[in-house]
Protein backbone atom coordinates (compact mmCIF):
# COMPACT_ATOMS: atom_id res chain seq x y z
CA MET A 1 0.00 0.00 0.00
CA THR A 2 1.41 3.38 -1.00
CA GLY A 3 0.22 6.82 -0.12
CA MET A 4 0.95 10.49 0.34
CA PHE A 5 3.69 11.40 2.81
CA LEU A 6 3.16 14.88 4.28
CA ILE A 7 5.80 16.75 6.28
CA ARG A 8 4.72 19.93 8.06
CA ILE A 9 7.42 22.30 9.31
CA THR A 10 6.74 25.41 11.37
CA GLU A 11 9.33 27.86 12.59
CA SER A 12 8.80 28.56 16.28
CA SER A 13 7.65 32.06 17.05
CA GLY A 14 9.04 34.11 19.88
CA GLU A 15 12.42 34.08 21.51
CA ILE A 16 14.19 30.74 21.25
CA ILE A 17 16.96 30.26 23.80
CA ASP A 18 18.01 26.84 22.52
CA LEU A 19 18.20 26.72 18.70
CA ARG A 20 17.65 22.94 18.70
CA TYR A 21 13.95 23.78 19.06
CA ARG A 22 13.73 26.38 16.29
CA TYR A 23 11.57 24.22 13.98
CA ILE A 24 8.59 22.04 14.90
CA TRP A 25 7.81 19.22 12.47
CA SER A 26 5.28 16.44 12.02
CA ALA A 27 5.15 13.54 9.57
CA TRP A 28 1.91 12.05 8.21
CA LEU A 29 1.21 9.10 5.92
CA ASP A 30 -2.31 9.10 4.46
CA GLY A 31 -3.64 11.15 7.38
CA THR A 32 -2.00 9.02 10.08
CA LEU A 33 0.51 10.77 12.32
CA LEU A 34 3.84 8.95 12.23
CA GLY A 35 5.78 11.27 14.51
CA LYS A 36 6.66 14.82 15.47
CA GLY A 37 9.55 16.67 17.00
CA HIS A 38 11.91 19.63 16.99
CA ALA A 39 14.96 20.45 14.89
CA SER A 40 17.51 23.21 14.54
CA HIS A 41 17.16 23.46 10.74
CA ALA A 42 14.35 22.71 8.28
CA ASP A 43 16.59 20.25 6.39
CA LEU A 44 17.18 18.30 9.58
CA ALA A 45 13.42 18.20 10.25
CA ILE A 46 12.85 16.71 6.78
CA GLU A 47 15.60 14.15 7.33
CA ARG A 48 14.12 13.05 10.66
CA ALA A 49 10.65 12.75 9.14
CA HIS A 50 11.98 10.56 6.31
CA ASP A 51 13.47 8.20 8.89
CA LEU A 52 9.94 7.34 10.05
CA VAL A 53 8.64 5.79 6.84
CA ASN A 54 9.64 3.02 4.47
CA PRO A 55 10.22 4.54 0.99
CA ASP A 56 8.25 1.67 -0.57
CA ARG A 57 5.09 2.95 1.16
CA VAL A 58 5.40 6.48 -0.27
CA GLU A 59 3.81 7.38 -3.57
CA ARG A 60 4.04 11.16 -3.27
CA ILE A 61 5.81 13.56 -0.87
CA GLU A 62 4.50 16.98 0.10
CA ILE A 63 6.45 19.38 2.33
CA VAL A 64 4.56 22.30 3.87
CA GLU A 65 6.60 25.05 5.55
CA ARG A 66 4.86 27.79 7.49
């Protein structure tokens, strides 16, 4: 079964003391939450999200940055 893999990335608003928490991300496969977390860079957030899913299950990838 393959589906749409959605990665949502949001830059934290306000003053961030620890830059490891600058971006908040979540990973979804066909509407099911696979995981979420924090990252220091958007690229790192995407990399962590990709670690949660088997590439054989992904038909399409969408990345939404806010």
